[in-house]
Protein backbone atom coordinates (compact mmCIF):
# COMPACT_ATOMS: atom_id res chain seq x y z
CA MET A 1 9.77 29.76 -15.95
CA ASN A 2 6.68 27.87 -14.26
CA TYR A 3 7.77 24.69 -12.31
CA SER A 4 5.33 21.70 -12.55
CA ALA A 5 5.44 18.31 -12.30
CA TRP A 6 4.14 18.74 -16.08
CA GLN A 7 6.90 21.13 -17.38
CA ILE A 8 9.16 18.37 -15.73
CA LEU A 9 7.38 15.31 -17.26
CA LYS A 10 7.41 17.39 -20.51
CA ASN A 11 10.79 18.54 -20.66
CA GLY A 12 12.39 14.72 -19.76
CA LEU A 13 10.46 13.28 -22.91
CA ARG A 14 11.95 16.42 -25.20
CA GLY A 15 15.73 15.49 -23.53
CA GLY A 16 15.89 18.40 -21.09
CA LYS A 17 16.16 21.12 -23.98
CA ASN A 18 13.65 23.60 -23.38
CA TRP A 19 13.87 24.70 -19.83
CA ARG A 20 14.41 28.30 -20.06
CA PRO A 21 17.67 29.36 -18.67
CA LEU A 22 17.68 30.80 -15.38
CA TRP A 23 20.47 33.70 -15.61
CA HIS A 24 21.47 35.62 -19.13
CA SER A 25 24.94 34.65 -20.03
CA LYS A 26 26.01 38.11 -21.20
CA GLU A 27 29.16 39.61 -23.21
CA PRO A 28 31.28 42.52 -21.48
CA LYS A 29 30.71 45.87 -21.76
CA LYS A 30 34.43 48.14 -22.13
CA SER A 31 33.13 49.93 -18.49
CA TYR A 32 31.23 49.25 -15.41
CA ASP A 33 31.06 50.72 -11.87
CA ILE A 34 32.12 47.42 -10.07
CA ILE A 35 33.50 44.32 -11.27
CA ILE A 36 33.38 41.17 -9.08
CA ILE A 37 35.75 38.91 -9.63
CA GLY A 38 34.71 35.21 -9.07
CA GLY A 39 31.31 33.59 -10.47
CA GLY A 40 31.14 31.63 -6.80
CA GLY A 41 28.65 31.93 -3.96
CA HIS A 42 30.19 34.79 -2.64
CA GLY A 43 30.66 36.79 -5.65
CA LEU A 44 27.55 36.32 -6.73
CA ALA A 45 25.81 36.77 -3.26
CA THR A 46 27.89 40.43 -3.89
CA ALA A 47 26.44 41.50 -6.82
CA TYR A 48 22.78 40.39 -6.14
CA TYR A 49 23.31 42.59 -2.57
CA LEU A 50 25.12 45.16 -4.35
CA ALA A 51 21.97 45.88 -6.83
CA LYS A 52 19.47 45.12 -3.75
CA ASN A 53 20.34 46.47 -0.59
CA HIS A 54 22.61 49.40 -2.47
CA ALA A 55 20.32 49.89 -5.69
CA LEU A 56 23.83 50.11 -7.65
CA LYS A 57 23.00 48.92 -11.39
CA ASN A 58 25.76 49.19 -13.53
CA ILE A 59 27.91 45.67 -11.98
CA ALA A 60 29.51 43.06 -13.68
CA VAL A 61 30.07 39.60 -12.34
CA ILE A 62 33.38 37.57 -14.52
CA GLU A 63 33.39 33.93 -13.72
CA LYS A 64 36.65 31.86 -15.69
CA GLY A 65 34.45 28.91 -15.83
CA TYR A 66 30.85 28.10 -15.70
CA LEU A 67 28.92 29.04 -12.60
CA GLY A 68 28.87 26.35 -9.76
CA GLY A 69 31.93 24.58 -11.24
CA GLY A 70 34.68 26.51 -8.18
CA ASN A 71 34.52 26.21 -4.71
CA VAL A 72 31.10 26.61 -4.49
CA GLY A 73 30.18 23.41 -5.98
CA ARG A 74 32.97 21.47 -4.14
CA ASN A 75 32.45 21.51 -0.49
CA THR A 76 30.27 19.22 2.06
CA THR A 77 27.43 21.95 1.81
CA ILE A 78 27.50 22.70 6.08
CA VAL A 79 25.87 25.62 7.34
CA ARG A 80 26.00 26.59 11.58
CA ALA A 81 26.82 29.72 13.69
CA ASN A 82 28.85 27.99 16.76
CA TYR A 83 31.88 30.30 16.40
CA LEU A 84 33.10 31.43 19.94
CA LEU A 85 35.59 34.73 19.08
CA ASP A 86 33.92 37.95 18.94
CA GLY A 87 33.82 38.75 15.49
CA ASN A 88 33.51 35.46 13.92
CA SER A 89 30.47 35.17 16.48
CA GLN A 90 28.46 38.09 15.24
CA PHE A 91 29.15 37.85 11.31
CA PHE A 92 28.04 33.63 11.16
CA SER A 93 24.92 34.60 13.41
CA HIS A 94 24.11 36.62 10.67
CA SER A 95 24.90 34.50 8.05
CA LEU A 96 22.92 31.89 9.49
CA LYS A 97 19.74 34.30 9.41
CA LEU A 98 19.70 35.00 6.18
CA TRP A 99 20.39 31.43 5.12
CA GLU A 100 16.99 30.91 7.10
CA SER A 101 15.34 33.26 5.11
CA MET A 102 17.05 32.41 1.76
CA GLU A 103 15.22 30.26 -0.16
CA GLN A 104 11.78 32.86 0.46
CA GLU A 105 14.34 36.09 -0.58
CA LEU A 106 15.74 34.16 -3.90
CA ASN A 107 12.85 32.28 -4.47
CA PHE A 108 14.97 29.32 -5.36
CA ASN A 109 15.36 25.97 -3.89
CA THR A 110 18.34 25.88 -2.26
CA MET A 111 17.53 22.50 0.02
CA MET A 112 18.41 24.23 3.11
CA SER A 113 17.92 21.20 6.13
CA GLN A 114 17.95 22.35 9.45
CA ARG A 115 18.91 19.07 10.77
CA GLY A 116 21.34 20.28 13.61
CA ILE A 117 25.18 20.44 13.94
CA LEU A 118 26.68 17.99 17.12
CA SER A 119 30.16 18.69 17.89
CA LEU A 120 31.75 16.25 19.93
CA GLY A 121 34.00 16.55 23.23
CA HIS A 122 36.02 13.91 24.93
CA SER A 123 37.93 14.99 27.66
CA ASP A 124 36.65 17.37 31.07
CA GLY A 125 38.47 19.94 29.25
CA GLN A 126 36.98 19.35 25.77
CA MET A 127 33.44 19.86 27.75
CA ASP A 128 34.81 22.79 29.44
CA SER A 129 35.28 24.42 25.80
CA LEU A 130 32.16 23.41 24.16
CA ALA A 131 30.37 24.69 27.16
CA ARG A 132 31.90 28.49 26.86
CA ARG A 133 31.33 28.06 23.27
CA GLY A 134 27.46 27.64 23.75
CA ASN A 135 27.82 30.30 25.53
CA MET A 136 29.17 32.26 23.73
CA MET A 137 26.65 31.17 21.09
CA ILE A 138 23.43 31.66 23.63
CA SER A 139 24.62 35.38 24.28
CA GLN A 140 24.78 36.20 20.54
CA GLY A 141 21.15 34.71 20.18
CA ASP A 142 21.84 31.44 18.70
CA ASP A 143 21.02 28.04 20.13
CA ALA A 144 22.87 25.84 22.22
CA GLU A 145 22.39 22.71 24.02
CA LEU A 146 25.28 20.65 26.00
CA LEU A 147 24.24 17.31 26.06
CA SER A 148 25.67 14.68 28.50
CA ALA A 149 27.07 11.19 27.55
CA GLU A 150 23.49 9.79 28.66
CA GLU A 151 21.78 12.29 26.03
CA LEU A 152 23.76 11.44 23.30
CA ARG A 153 23.47 7.99 23.35
CA ASP A 154 19.72 8.36 23.10
CA TYR A 155 20.58 10.84 20.13
CA VAL A 156 22.84 9.43 18.20
CA PRO A 157 23.13 5.82 19.20
CA TYR A 158 25.19 4.68 16.59
CA VAL A 159 28.19 6.75 17.15
CA ASN A 160 30.70 4.78 19.28
CA GLN A 161 31.26 6.06 23.12
CA THR A 162 33.11 3.69 24.56
CA ASP A 163 36.53 3.53 22.10
CA PRO A 164 39.18 3.36 25.26
CA ARG A 165 41.17 5.44 23.14
CA PHE A 166 38.12 8.57 22.36
CA PRO A 167 36.06 8.00 25.39
CA ILE A 168 32.76 10.46 24.61
CA TYR A 169 32.16 13.04 27.75
CA GLY A 170 29.16 14.94 25.99
CA GLY A 171 28.38 16.87 22.91
CA LEU A 172 27.52 20.57 21.71
CA LEU A 173 23.83 20.40 19.80
CA HIS A 174 23.36 23.43 17.57
CA ARG A 175 19.75 22.49 16.07
CA ARG A 176 19.23 25.35 13.37
CA GLY A 177 22.83 24.47 12.13
CA GLY A 178 22.50 21.72 8.84
CA THR A 179 23.13 21.83 5.27
CA ALA A 180 21.97 23.21 1.89
CA ARG A 181 22.59 22.18 -1.65
CA HIS A 182 25.79 24.23 -2.57
CA ASP A 183 25.55 24.54 -6.24
CA ALA A 184 21.63 25.54 -5.84
CA VAL A 185 22.98 28.75 -3.63
CA ALA A 186 24.82 29.93 -6.86
CA TRP A 187 21.98 29.46 -9.15
CA GLY A 188 19.58 31.15 -6.45
CA TYR A 189 21.75 34.06 -6.49
CA ALA A 190 23.20 34.26 -10.32
CA ARG A 191 19.06 34.35 -11.09
CA ALA A 192 17.95 36.94 -8.65
CA ALA A 193 21.23 39.16 -9.65
CA ASP A 194 20.65 38.86 -13.21
CA ARG A 195 16.85 39.91 -12.52
CA LEU A 196 18.34 42.88 -10.89
CA GLY A 197 20.43 43.80 -13.94
CA VAL A 198 23.53 42.18 -13.12
CA ASP A 199 25.98 41.15 -15.88
CA ILE A 200 26.92 37.51 -15.27
CA ILE A 201 30.12 36.83 -17.71
CA GLN A 202 30.88 33.23 -17.72
CA ASN A 203 34.17 31.42 -19.54
CA CYS A 204 35.71 34.92 -19.35
CA GLU A 205 39.12 34.72 -17.08
CA VAL A 206 40.90 37.77 -16.01
CA THR A 207 45.03 37.64 -17.14
CA GLY A 208 46.20 41.03 -15.29
CA MET A 209 45.29 43.78 -13.49
CA ILE A 210 45.35 47.65 -15.12
CA VAL A 211 47.48 49.82 -12.21
CA ASN A 212 49.07 53.14 -11.93
CA ASN A 213 50.38 55.21 -9.22
CA LYS A 214 48.59 52.39 -6.94
CA THR A 215 45.26 52.86 -8.35
CA ILE A 216 43.38 50.17 -10.14
CA SER A 217 41.13 51.16 -13.12
CA GLY A 218 40.34 47.60 -14.77
CA VAL A 219 40.78 43.97 -16.16
CA GLN A 220 42.75 42.56 -18.45
CA THR A 221 40.71 39.18 -19.76
CA THR A 222 40.70 36.55 -22.30
CA LYS A 223 37.40 38.87 -23.86
CA GLY A 224 39.44 41.67 -23.47
CA LYS A 225 39.89 45.16 -20.99
CA ILE A 226 37.03 45.92 -19.41
CA LYS A 227 37.28 48.86 -17.15
CA ALA A 228 35.83 49.60 -13.82
CA ASP A 229 35.52 52.01 -10.82
CA LYS A 230 36.13 49.33 -7.96
CA ILE A 231 37.11 45.64 -8.43
CA GLY A 232 36.12 42.98 -6.06
CA MET A 233 38.27 40.09 -5.92
CA ALA A 234 36.38 36.81 -4.55
CA VAL A 235 38.02 34.09 -5.55
CA ALA A 236 38.15 31.77 -2.78
CA GLY A 237 41.79 30.07 -3.20
CA ARG A 238 43.56 31.57 -5.99
CA THR A 239 42.96 34.74 -3.85
CA SER A 240 47.10 34.59 -3.78
CA GLN A 241 47.42 34.27 -7.71
CA VAL A 242 44.69 36.65 -8.71
CA ALA A 243 45.94 39.71 -5.70
CA ASP A 244 49.43 39.09 -7.74
CA MET A 245 48.36 39.96 -10.75
CA ALA A 246 48.11 43.81 -8.88
CA GLY A 247 51.62 43.03 -7.08
CA LEU A 248 49.88 42.08 -3.63
CA LYS A 249 51.60 39.60 -1.45
CA LEU A 250 48.53 38.29 1.59
CA PRO A 251 49.27 36.44 4.65
CA ILE A 252 47.27 33.23 3.10
CA GLU A 253 48.49 30.02 1.21
CA SER A 254 46.44 27.47 -0.94
CA HIS A 255 46.07 23.82 -0.05
CA VAL A 256 43.54 21.51 -0.59
CA LEU A 257 40.69 20.04 1.34
CA GLN A 258 39.36 16.35 0.49
CA ALA A 259 35.74 15.63 0.69
CA PHE A 260 34.33 11.88 0.26
CA VAL A 261 30.58 10.39 -0.90
CA SER A 262 30.07 6.60 -0.23
CA GLU A 263 27.02 4.87 -1.80
CA GLY A 264 23.45 6.05 -1.12
CA LEU A 265 22.21 4.37 2.19
CA LYS A 266 19.05 4.17 4.43
CA PRO A 267 18.35 7.37 6.98
CA CYS A 268 21.02 6.93 9.20
CA VAL A 269 22.77 10.02 10.40
CA ASP A 270 20.46 12.85 11.50
CA CYS A 271 22.81 15.67 11.98
CA GLU A 272 25.81 16.38 10.95
CA ILE A 273 28.60 14.91 13.27
CA SER A 274 31.99 17.10 14.20
CA TRP A 275 34.68 14.46 15.75
CA GLY A 276 36.53 16.56 18.78
CA ALA A 277 39.50 13.29 18.90
CA GLU A 278 40.65 14.50 15.33
CA LEU A 279 39.97 17.22 12.42
CA PHE A 280 36.39 14.90 10.55
CA TYR A 281 33.32 15.48 10.22
CA ILE A 282 30.02 13.51 8.40
CA SER A 283 26.66 14.02 7.23
CA GLN A 284 24.34 12.04 4.98
CA SER A 285 22.74 13.96 2.24
CA ASP A 286 19.40 14.20 0.76
CA LYS A 287 20.46 10.96 -1.69
CA GLY A 288 21.45 8.98 1.05
CA GLY A 289 25.10 9.37 0.72
CA LEU A 290 27.47 9.81 3.60
CA VAL A 291 29.59 13.17 3.31
CA PHE A 292 32.38 13.55 5.47
CA GLY A 293 35.94 14.86 5.56
CA GLY A 294 39.20 15.95 7.49
CA ASP A 295 42.06 18.25 7.67
CA ILE A 296 43.49 20.02 4.89
CA ASP A 297 46.65 18.12 2.98
CA LYS A 298 49.80 19.54 4.33
CA TYR A 299 51.43 20.87 1.44
CA ASN A 300 50.75 24.17 -0.62
CA THR A 301 48.48 23.39 -3.90
CA TYR A 302 46.39 24.32 -6.67
CA ALA A 303 45.75 20.99 -7.53
CA ALA A 304 41.78 19.95 -6.66
CA ARG A 305 43.11 16.51 -5.83
CA GLY A 306 44.52 15.51 -2.50
CA ASN A 307 46.88 12.46 -1.42
CA LEU A 308 46.77 9.34 0.04
CA PRO A 309 47.58 9.93 3.76
CA ALA A 310 45.11 12.21 3.92
CA ILE A 311 42.53 10.38 2.43
CA GLU A 312 43.90 6.81 5.08
CA ASN A 313 43.53 9.46 7.59
CA VAL A 314 39.71 10.52 7.24
CA MET A 315 39.12 6.70 6.80
CA GLU A 316 40.30 6.01 9.93
CA ALA A 317 38.91 8.67 11.79
CA ALA A 318 35.20 7.88 10.73
CA MET A 319 35.88 4.20 11.27
CA ALA A 320 36.82 4.92 14.78
CA LEU A 321 33.59 7.17 15.60
CA MET A 322 31.61 5.08 13.33
CA PRO A 323 32.28 1.34 12.75
CA MET A 324 28.48 0.73 11.14
CA ILE A 325 29.93 2.54 8.70
CA GLY A 326 32.81 0.01 7.66
CA ARG A 327 30.70 -2.06 4.60
CA ALA A 328 29.64 1.49 3.13
CA LYS A 329 31.39 2.05 -0.56
CA VAL A 330 33.34 5.36 -1.38
CA LEU A 331 31.31 6.41 -4.80
CA ARG A 332 33.66 9.65 -4.95
CA SER A 333 35.56 12.50 -3.83
CA TRP A 334 36.94 15.64 -4.53
CA GLY A 335 39.66 18.20 -3.48
CA GLY A 336 38.99 21.83 -3.23
CA ILE A 337 41.46 24.75 -2.83
CA VAL A 338 40.72 26.68 -0.01
CA ASP A 339 43.00 29.73 0.84
CA MET A 340 44.09 29.51 4.03
CA THR A 341 44.92 33.03 6.36
CA MET A 342 47.53 32.30 9.22
CA ASP A 343 44.78 32.56 12.10
CA GLY A 344 41.89 30.56 10.18
CA SER A 345 39.65 33.67 10.10
CA PRO A 346 38.70 35.62 6.69
CA ILE A 347 39.62 39.11 5.55
CA ILE A 348 36.71 41.57 3.43
CA ASP A 349 38.64 44.58 3.43
CA LYS A 350 40.39 47.28 1.34
CA THR A 351 43.61 46.47 -0.44
CA PRO A 352 46.69 49.18 -0.38
CA ILE A 353 45.61 49.79 -3.77
CA ASN A 354 42.94 52.32 -4.89
CA GLY A 355 39.90 50.70 -6.14
CA LEU A 356 40.57 47.28 -4.82
CA TYR A 357 38.85 45.13 -2.88
CA LEU A 358 39.54 41.67 -1.35
CA ASP A 359 36.74 38.95 0.45
CA GLY A 360 39.47 35.97 0.50
CA GLY A 361 40.84 33.68 3.47
CA TRP A 362 37.85 31.73 4.46
CA CYS A 363 39.92 28.95 4.84
CA TYR A 364 37.16 25.92 6.08
CA GLY A 365 34.26 28.50 6.26
CA GLY A 366 33.30 29.54 2.83
CA PHE A 367 30.05 27.90 1.69
CA LYS A 368 28.76 28.40 5.41
CA ALA A 369 29.73 32.40 5.63
CA THR A 370 28.35 32.73 1.82
CA PRO A 371 25.41 35.47 2.61
CA ALA A 372 26.87 37.24 5.27
CA SER A 373 30.04 37.64 3.08
CA GLY A 374 27.78 38.76 0.22
CA TRP A 375 26.18 41.19 2.50
CA CYS A 376 28.75 42.54 3.79
CA PHE A 377 31.49 43.02 0.93
CA ALA A 378 28.30 44.72 -1.19
CA HIS A 379 28.31 46.94 2.10
CA LEU A 380 32.14 47.77 1.86
CA LEU A 381 31.75 48.30 -1.86
CA ALA A 382 29.28 50.58 -2.07
CA THR A 383 30.01 52.72 0.79
CA ASP A 384 33.64 52.46 1.96
CA GLU A 385 33.01 50.99 5.57
CA HIS A 386 33.09 48.15 6.78
CA HIS A 387 29.59 46.49 7.79
CA GLU A 388 29.63 46.07 11.62
CA VAL A 389 29.76 42.62 11.94
CA ALA A 390 32.47 42.24 10.04
CA GLU A 391 34.49 45.05 11.02
CA LYS A 392 37.21 42.73 12.50
CA TYR A 393 37.81 41.23 8.92
CA THR A 394 40.73 43.52 8.31
CA LEU A 395 43.90 42.78 6.37
CA ASP A 396 46.30 44.92 8.61
CA ARG A 397 45.23 42.71 11.75
CA PHE A 398 48.24 40.14 10.48
CA GLU A 399 50.25 43.65 10.73
CA LYS A 400 48.98 44.71 13.95
CA GLY A 401 48.81 41.50 15.92
CA TYR A 402 44.87 41.78 16.18
CA LEU A 403 44.21 37.81 15.78
CA LEU A 404 40.76 36.16 15.31
CA ASP A 405 42.61 32.54 16.02
CA GLU A 406 39.15 30.90 16.29
CA GLU A 407 40.68 27.02 16.36
CA ALA A 408 44.22 27.29 15.63
CA THR A 409 42.97 25.95 12.13
CA GLY A 410 45.21 28.55 9.88
CA ALA A 411 47.62 27.62 7.56
CA THR A 412 50.42 26.95 10.39
CA PRO A 413 53.36 27.48 8.09
CA ASN A 414 55.91 26.22 10.24
CA LEU A 415 54.75 22.74 10.03
CA HIS A 416 55.29 22.41 5.97
């Protein structure tokens, strides 16, 4: 399909019925070399890099719904590489580099906008922590600038810096961070994987695993039994449920994470802002809506909807940080199911079942990890070896105590 203003006009007048599909929606074959369960960003990126980086062809992606209908279409679109700990820092640095070349590689507009990420500090201790984080980012080859309170007044004059409860001492600016369009990322990877021969199978739910003698040989689906030598799980908030089909218990809890969008406004928030006094973040979309959210709802659930106390907390934080948005109307909200590990960091590893591999536990960081997650999970599936930037994301770290507790943002089961 050649895209042009003429094509948009012509197809618009015809009801949009003549656009050529970006990818083929296949029916499953009886067997594959590798099956990826989950047609979100991580699953599609994994399939693409299996075909591109490792020249594998007999691959299928199985999605229970339609592409872009899961967590890849239910997030706040933030892309960043401002992590502190050894292991996380390397991984997300690699991911950001892949983001920066993604549109050229996939030949698809993902609306990547490197508008900057600003993390605010509210005490001397927080400023010391931000300085340490910035030094780690710079040593990793990424960018970081520590801004004073005076510099922030020029950079984000609309932020309430004089609140006596939450005075702002300064902030850490990560200029290469930004946002991208969430579902466009899934579409771009789907089209690219399809062109390399990957079978994309939609509306096909996995209902069981075929496991004998601790070895997996296939899956049961709503479209019948499909055999495979290797099977990778990339199912986000459904990780525990899918793993349970194979008899696995994982150090993961599922919670709902809510987000909100305001009515369209003139450009006013020109970067993404993370508030250090509370788990709150806000940015402005290309359509003008303010996109913001906060902490997870503090109970286990598989429902893609949240509760009112969490909404109230987010709105209170929004008003404390930016009183100017008080009259803006909230148009919509949504909830995404997030798979929270006990240390707040992900898992990319083999499981105790031969032939079954896991990509999960992404907590708050799933979208920004999409390209590197696919790159590293494909490497693991193809070679049975961990990629160097994901070598700390092992499943047995919870047993051995080598945790990656980036910000104490794991599931904290003692609290509920």
